[in-house]
Amino acid sequence: MRKNIAYYKKVFAEIEKADIAPVYIFKGQERYIMEELTSRLIEKVVGEDMESFNLAVEYGGEVDMEIFISTANSFPFLGEKRILVLKELHKLKGKWKQLVKYTNDPVSSSVVVFLCNTHDDAGRRIKLPKDYASLESAVKKNGKVIQFEPLLMNDLQEYVRKKAEKSGLKIDRKTAGVLIGSVGEDLYNIQNELDKLSLFYEKKEVTTAELARVIGSYRLSTVNDLLDSTGLEDGNRPIELLSGILKSGAERPSVVVYLLIRHFLALLRVRAAPKRGGGYLVEKLIRKAERLGTKRIIIWLENLRVAEILMKSVSFPEILILESVFVHSSRGIRIEGVNGISP
């Protein structure tokens, strides 16, 4: 379930004001805000001056668990606490029992933070290892589990506007909405574009015209046109837009697939639980979802995911794979593997 800005303000305020717990799980789909809170927690626990002595950052797929636990059990160097961060917890294999044992009896002079991604880059849910439940249960007993889900669309626009202010930019909600429509809801991508804009327009107001100059007017308008027309328009226009985007180099095929998957996931969400009064962009999604219907949205998603797999596994022209997705999906036909990519 999506979160509002008030939820995240409360989460950050609690980290600043409340006593620090010995163990945390930061869990969810919104990785950018998760990383922001992690940085804030590190700053509070050890400060910048002591990071090199009392901060350890490891990754689930490559952590040496014995060293990690030993470090957590050791006293901090010239400070009151040390902090250990284990990222990509979902990639941890075969080392859960030691972790659960420590979490059931954590050391008060250490703060251990687990970052657990619940979705991959394409928005698909990650299946967590079966031992994860034991770890979460222990963390709930001795620390805190904090959820990180994407922002509601209206709040996302306001969040982007505030982020722009911190980058020395002035943008209104409409411009923020256009930026989100162009690069997607991923806050890492949005921050990257804000960084570019700040190089040219620091301390200035940025309109959609300035946005187009930096992001690229062709990319800005054409990608939005593609998302708007996909699924609704018959004929060749969506495929012509797709071909123009790929041949011009405005976007890579993998990025187009990613943006389309995010778009149809958003349609599926509003189709399942439409909430009127959510602003122009939300109303636009609701209207499109109603016209398409759930079955057609799911077919688009399934075919796009087939395309995503094929583009990684077969030496077949990516544009033909994508064109096949458009042709089949517009007809309500599922693609069955590599043999189904020819219309």
Protein backbone atom coordinates (compact mmCIF):
# COMPACT_ATOMS: atom_id res chain seq x y z
CA MET A 1 0.00 0.00 0.00
CA ARG A 2 1.33 3.42 -0.95
CA LYS A 3 2.36 5.86 1.77
CA ASN A 4 1.80 9.58 2.15
CA ILE A 5 4.36 12.23 3.05
CA ALA A 6 2.99 12.45 6.61
CA TYR A 7 3.94 8.80 7.18
CA TYR A 8 7.58 9.38 6.17
CA LYS A 9 7.80 12.63 8.15
CA LYS A 10 6.76 10.66 11.23
CA VAL A 11 9.31 7.91 10.50
CA PHE A 12 12.17 10.41 10.15
CA ALA A 13 11.03 12.36 13.25
CA GLU A 14 11.04 9.18 15.34
CA ILE A 15 14.60 8.39 14.26
CA GLU A 16 15.67 11.89 15.27
CA LYS A 17 13.86 12.06 18.61
CA ALA A 18 13.33 8.53 19.91
CA ASP A 19 15.85 6.21 21.50
CA ILE A 20 17.77 4.19 18.94
CA ALA A 21 16.84 0.49 18.82
CA PRO A 22 19.58 -2.17 18.62
CA VAL A 23 18.10 -3.78 15.47
CA TYR A 24 16.01 -2.54 12.53
CA ILE A 25 14.54 -3.95 9.36
CA PHE A 26 13.89 -1.37 6.64
CA LYS A 27 11.61 -3.23 4.27
CA GLY A 28 9.74 -2.40 1.07
CA GLN A 29 9.77 -1.15 -2.50
CA GLU A 30 10.84 2.48 -1.99
CA ARG A 31 14.62 2.12 -1.87
CA TYR A 32 15.55 5.79 -2.23
CA ILE A 33 13.78 6.91 0.94
CA MET A 34 15.02 3.75 2.65
CA GLU A 35 18.62 4.75 1.87
CA GLU A 36 17.92 8.31 3.02
CA LEU A 37 16.73 7.08 6.42
CA THR A 38 19.73 4.75 6.65
CA SER A 39 22.07 7.70 6.08
CA ARG A 40 20.21 9.74 8.70
CA LEU A 41 20.49 6.88 11.20
CA ILE A 42 24.22 6.45 10.53
CA GLU A 43 24.74 10.17 11.07
CA LYS A 44 22.89 10.08 14.38
CA VAL A 45 24.59 6.92 15.72
CA VAL A 46 28.24 7.51 14.80
CA GLY A 47 28.54 10.86 13.03
CA GLU A 48 30.71 11.60 10.02
CA ASP A 49 33.95 11.77 12.04
CA MET A 50 33.68 8.20 13.34
CA GLU A 51 32.25 6.43 10.30
CA SER A 52 35.59 4.95 9.30
CA PHE A 53 35.90 3.30 12.74
CA ASN A 54 32.36 2.38 13.75
CA LEU A 55 30.45 1.82 10.49
CA ALA A 56 30.32 -1.45 8.54
CA VAL A 57 28.27 -1.89 5.36
CA GLU A 58 27.82 -5.37 3.86
CA TYR A 59 25.62 -7.01 1.20
CA GLY A 60 23.50 -10.12 1.57
CA GLY A 61 25.00 -11.96 -1.37
CA GLU A 62 28.61 -11.64 -0.21
CA VAL A 63 28.67 -11.03 3.55
CA ASP A 64 30.98 -13.09 5.80
CA MET A 65 28.45 -13.75 8.54
CA GLU A 66 30.99 -14.78 11.19
CA ILE A 67 32.88 -11.51 10.79
CA PHE A 68 29.62 -9.54 10.66
CA ILE A 69 28.32 -11.05 13.93
CA SER A 70 31.74 -10.74 15.57
CA THR A 71 31.85 -7.04 14.68
CA ALA A 72 28.34 -6.52 16.04
CA ASN A 73 29.39 -8.16 19.32
CA SER A 74 32.55 -6.04 19.67
CA PHE A 75 32.80 -2.71 21.49
CA PRO A 76 32.84 0.48 19.41
CA PHE A 77 36.13 2.33 18.95
CA LEU A 78 36.31 5.62 20.88
CA GLY A 79 32.54 6.01 20.82
CA GLU A 80 29.32 4.92 22.49
CA LYS A 81 27.94 2.87 19.59
CA ARG A 82 28.81 1.28 16.29
CA ILE A 83 26.40 0.67 13.40
CA LEU A 84 26.29 -2.22 10.92
CA VAL A 85 24.19 -2.13 7.75
CA LEU A 86 23.35 -5.28 5.79
CA LYS A 87 21.90 -4.35 2.40
CA GLU A 88 20.10 -6.63 -0.08
CA LEU A 89 18.94 -8.93 2.71
CA HIS A 90 16.83 -10.90 0.23
CA LYS A 91 20.05 -12.23 -1.36
CA LEU A 92 21.30 -13.80 1.88
CA LYS A 93 21.60 -17.59 1.61
CA GLY A 94 22.31 -20.21 4.24
CA LYS A 95 23.38 -17.83 7.01
CA TRP A 96 20.09 -16.99 8.67
CA LYS A 97 20.36 -18.97 11.92
CA GLN A 98 23.39 -16.98 13.14
CA LEU A 99 21.60 -13.75 12.28
CA VAL A 100 18.39 -14.76 14.06
CA LYS A 101 20.36 -15.88 17.12
CA TYR A 102 22.10 -12.49 17.36
CA THR A 103 18.88 -10.56 16.78
CA ASN A 104 17.16 -12.44 19.63
CA ASP A 105 19.85 -11.12 21.98
CA PRO A 106 21.41 -8.02 20.40
CA VAL A 107 24.31 -6.05 21.92
CA SER A 108 23.24 -2.66 23.27
CA SER A 109 26.39 -0.90 22.00
CA SER A 110 25.67 -1.87 18.37
CA VAL A 111 22.91 -0.88 15.97
CA VAL A 112 22.26 -3.41 13.19
CA VAL A 113 20.13 -2.35 10.22
CA PHE A 114 18.82 -4.80 7.62
CA LEU A 115 17.69 -3.38 4.26
CA CYS A 116 15.23 -5.71 2.56
CA ASN A 117 14.01 -4.98 -0.99
CA THR A 118 10.60 -6.51 -1.64
CA HIS A 119 10.44 -5.73 -5.40
CA ASP A 120 12.90 -5.80 -8.27
CA ASP A 121 13.55 -2.97 -10.74
CA ALA A 122 10.58 -4.02 -12.88
CA GLY A 123 8.20 -3.85 -9.91
CA ARG A 124 7.89 -7.61 -9.47
CA ARG A 125 7.64 -8.92 -5.92
CA ILE A 126 10.76 -10.69 -4.67
CA LYS A 127 10.16 -14.01 -2.92
CA LEU A 128 11.89 -13.71 0.45
CA PRO A 129 13.75 -16.73 1.90
CA LYS A 130 11.65 -18.83 4.29
CA ASP A 131 13.94 -17.96 7.23
CA TYR A 132 13.16 -14.26 6.83
CA ALA A 133 9.99 -14.60 8.95
CA SER A 134 12.05 -15.73 11.98
CA LEU A 135 14.36 -12.75 11.62
CA GLU A 136 11.48 -10.28 11.33
CA SER A 137 9.84 -11.80 14.40
CA ALA A 138 13.05 -11.33 16.42
CA VAL A 139 13.48 -7.75 15.18
CA LYS A 140 9.89 -6.88 16.15
CA LYS A 141 10.62 -8.17 19.65
CA ASN A 142 13.87 -6.26 20.17
CA GLY A 143 13.76 -3.42 17.64
CA LYS A 144 11.67 -1.99 14.83
CA VAL A 145 10.44 -3.01 11.37
CA ILE A 146 9.77 0.02 9.14
CA GLN A 147 7.88 -0.25 5.85
CA PHE A 148 8.94 1.73 2.77
CA GLU A 149 6.33 1.87 0.01
CA PRO A 150 6.01 4.26 -2.97
CA LEU A 151 4.42 7.63 -2.33
CA LEU A 152 0.86 8.43 -3.35
CA MET A 153 0.93 10.28 -6.68
CA ASN A 154 -0.11 13.66 -5.27
CA ASP A 155 2.45 13.34 -2.47
CA LEU A 156 5.08 12.20 -4.95
CA GLN A 157 4.65 15.44 -6.91
CA GLU A 158 5.02 17.47 -3.71
CA TYR A 159 8.04 15.39 -2.66
CA VAL A 160 9.71 16.03 -6.02
CA ARG A 161 8.97 19.74 -5.69
CA LYS A 162 10.63 19.81 -2.25
CA LYS A 163 13.60 17.84 -3.55
CA ALA A 164 13.95 20.37 -6.35
CA GLU A 165 14.07 23.17 -3.77
CA LYS A 166 16.93 21.42 -1.98
CA SER A 167 18.74 21.27 -5.33
CA GLY A 168 18.27 25.03 -5.74
CA LEU A 169 15.38 24.77 -8.21
CA LYS A 170 11.87 26.18 -8.24
CA ILE A 171 9.26 23.99 -9.92
CA ASP A 172 5.50 23.82 -9.58
CA ARG A 173 3.41 20.67 -9.19
CA LYS A 174 2.58 20.56 -12.90
CA THR A 175 6.26 20.52 -13.86
CA ALA A 176 6.92 17.91 -11.19
CA GLY A 177 4.16 15.79 -12.74
CA VAL A 178 5.68 16.11 -16.21
CA LEU A 179 9.08 15.08 -14.83
CA ILE A 180 7.56 12.01 -13.17
CA GLY A 181 5.69 11.15 -16.37
CA SER A 182 8.93 11.33 -18.35
CA VAL A 183 11.36 9.40 -16.16
CA GLY A 184 8.99 7.30 -14.04
CA GLU A 185 8.41 7.16 -10.30
CA ASP A 186 11.88 5.88 -9.40
CA LEU A 187 13.29 8.56 -7.09
CA TYR A 188 16.87 7.73 -8.07
CA ASN A 189 16.08 8.61 -11.70
CA ILE A 190 14.16 11.72 -10.64
CA GLN A 191 17.05 12.93 -8.48
CA ASN A 192 19.46 12.34 -11.38
CA GLU A 193 17.34 14.61 -13.61
CA LEU A 194 17.09 17.25 -10.87
CA ASP A 195 20.88 17.21 -10.58
CA LYS A 196 21.13 17.88 -14.32
CA LEU A 197 18.61 20.70 -14.10
CA SER A 198 20.45 22.34 -11.20
CA LEU A 199 23.58 22.67 -13.36
CA PHE A 200 21.67 24.96 -15.74
CA TYR A 201 18.90 26.56 -13.69
CA GLU A 202 20.10 26.83 -10.09
CA LYS A 203 18.06 29.39 -8.11
CA LYS A 204 15.71 29.79 -11.08
CA GLU A 205 12.17 28.70 -11.82
CA VAL A 206 11.98 25.65 -14.07
CA THR A 207 8.97 25.24 -16.34
CA THR A 208 8.16 22.38 -18.69
CA ALA A 209 10.05 24.25 -21.43
CA GLU A 210 13.31 24.23 -19.44
CA LEU A 211 12.62 20.63 -18.48
CA ALA A 212 12.35 19.67 -22.14
CA ARG A 213 15.64 21.41 -22.98
CA VAL A 214 17.57 19.38 -20.44
CA ILE A 215 15.79 16.03 -20.64
CA GLY A 216 15.21 16.40 -24.36
CA SER A 217 11.99 17.68 -25.85
CA TYR A 218 11.71 14.69 -28.19
CA ARG A 219 12.19 12.24 -25.36
CA LEU A 220 9.89 14.13 -23.02
CA SER A 221 6.97 14.40 -25.39
CA THR A 222 7.36 11.12 -27.25
CA VAL A 223 7.75 8.85 -24.23
CA ASN A 224 4.67 10.44 -22.65
CA ASP A 225 2.78 10.06 -25.93
CA LEU A 226 3.78 6.40 -26.08
CA LEU A 227 2.55 5.72 -22.54
CA ASP A 228 -0.70 7.61 -23.18
CA SER A 229 -1.49 5.85 -26.45
CA THR A 230 -0.34 2.33 -25.58
CA GLY A 231 -3.27 0.01 -25.10
CA LEU A 232 -5.89 2.47 -26.30
CA GLU A 233 -5.09 3.30 -29.89
CA ASP A 234 -5.45 0.87 -32.76
CA GLY A 235 -3.45 1.21 -35.94
CA ASN A 236 0.23 2.01 -36.25
CA ARG A 237 0.64 5.14 -34.12
CA PRO A 238 1.94 3.45 -30.92
CA ILE A 239 4.36 1.33 -32.96
CA GLU A 240 5.50 4.41 -34.90
CA LEU A 241 6.16 6.22 -31.62
CA LEU A 242 8.02 3.17 -30.30
CA SER A 243 10.13 2.91 -33.44
CA GLY A 244 10.96 6.63 -33.32
CA ILE A 245 12.07 6.42 -29.69
CA LEU A 246 14.33 3.42 -30.28
CA LYS A 247 15.83 4.51 -33.60
CA SER A 248 16.57 8.01 -32.31
CA GLY A 249 18.27 6.64 -29.23
CA ALA A 250 15.93 8.63 -26.96
CA GLU A 251 15.60 5.54 -24.75
CA ARG A 252 17.07 2.04 -24.64
CA PRO A 253 14.64 -0.87 -25.28
CA SER A 254 15.10 -2.11 -21.69
CA VAL A 255 14.11 1.33 -20.35
CA VAL A 256 11.00 1.40 -22.57
CA VAL A 257 9.97 -2.02 -21.25
CA TYR A 258 10.60 -0.85 -17.68
CA LEU A 259 8.51 2.32 -18.15
CA LEU A 260 5.68 0.37 -19.78
CA ILE A 261 5.65 -2.23 -17.00
CA ARG A 262 5.51 0.52 -14.37
CA HIS A 263 2.71 2.20 -16.34
CA PHE A 264 0.57 -0.93 -16.55
CA LEU A 265 1.24 -1.81 -12.90
CA ALA A 266 -0.05 1.65 -12.01
CA LEU A 267 -3.15 0.99 -14.15
CA LEU A 268 -3.67 -2.34 -12.40
CA ARG A 269 -3.43 -0.68 -8.98
CA VAL A 270 -6.00 2.01 -9.76
CA ARG A 271 -8.22 -0.57 -11.45
CA ALA A 272 -8.22 -2.65 -8.24
CA ALA A 273 -8.84 0.31 -5.95
CA PRO A 274 -9.81 3.50 -7.81
CA LYS A 275 -9.66 6.59 -5.61
CA ARG A 276 -11.30 9.66 -7.10
CA GLY A 277 -10.01 13.11 -6.31
CA GLY A 278 -6.35 12.12 -6.51
CA GLY A 279 -5.37 14.84 -8.95
CA TYR A 280 -5.10 15.04 -12.72
CA LEU A 281 -2.55 12.23 -13.23
CA VAL A 282 -4.46 9.78 -11.02
CA GLU A 283 -7.77 10.60 -12.72
CA LYS A 284 -6.11 10.09 -16.09
CA LEU A 285 -4.89 6.63 -15.00
CA ILE A 286 -8.33 5.71 -13.66
CA ARG A 287 -10.03 6.65 -16.94
CA LYS A 288 -7.53 4.64 -18.96
CA ALA A 289 -7.80 1.62 -16.63
CA GLU A 290 -11.59 1.69 -16.96
CA ARG A 291 -11.35 1.73 -20.76
CA LEU A 292 -8.83 -1.11 -20.92
CA GLY A 293 -10.28 -3.41 -18.27
CA THR A 294 -8.37 -5.72 -15.95
CA LYS A 295 -7.97 -8.60 -18.41
CA ARG A 296 -6.33 -6.43 -21.10
CA ILE A 297 -4.01 -4.75 -18.56
CA ILE A 298 -2.84 -8.17 -17.34
CA ILE A 299 -2.19 -9.34 -20.90
CA TRP A 300 -0.02 -6.27 -21.51
CA LEU A 301 1.93 -6.95 -18.31
CA GLU A 302 2.42 -10.64 -19.11
CA ASN A 303 3.59 -9.90 -22.66
CA LEU A 304 5.96 -7.16 -21.50
CA ARG A 305 7.54 -9.54 -19.02
CA VAL A 306 7.95 -12.16 -21.75
CA ALA A 307 9.68 -9.47 -23.82
CA GLU A 308 11.91 -8.58 -20.88
CA ILE A 309 13.05 -12.22 -20.58
CA LEU A 310 13.52 -12.66 -24.33
CA MET A 311 15.60 -9.48 -24.64
CA LYS A 312 18.02 -10.90 -22.07
CA SER A 313 18.15 -14.45 -23.38
CA VAL A 314 17.89 -14.53 -27.19
CA SER A 315 19.76 -12.81 -30.00
CA PHE A 316 16.66 -11.43 -31.69
CA PRO A 317 16.18 -7.76 -32.69
CA GLU A 318 14.78 -5.98 -29.65
CA ILE A 319 12.57 -3.69 -31.70
CA LEU A 320 10.85 -6.71 -33.29
CA ILE A 321 10.24 -8.23 -29.85
CA LEU A 322 8.65 -5.00 -28.67
CA GLU A 323 6.61 -4.54 -31.82
CA SER A 324 5.29 -8.06 -31.36
CA VAL A 325 4.27 -7.19 -27.82
CA PHE A 326 2.29 -4.20 -29.11
CA VAL A 327 0.58 -6.16 -31.88
CA HIS A 328 -0.34 -9.15 -29.70
CA SER A 329 -1.39 -7.11 -26.67
CA SER A 330 -3.58 -4.74 -28.68
CA ARG A 331 -5.41 -7.82 -29.96
CA GLY A 332 -5.68 -9.33 -26.48
CA ILE A 333 -3.35 -12.25 -27.34
CA ARG A 334 -0.72 -13.64 -24.97
CA ILE A 335 2.78 -14.31 -26.31
CA GLU A 336 3.98 -17.85 -25.73
CA GLY A 337 7.78 -17.68 -25.56
CA VAL A 338 10.23 -17.04 -28.39
CA ASN A 339 8.06 -18.86 -30.93
CA GLY A 340 5.29 -16.37 -30.37
CA ILE A 341 7.10 -13.14 -31.11
CA SER A 342 6.22 -13.02 -34.81
CA PRO A 343 2.76 -11.46 -35.27
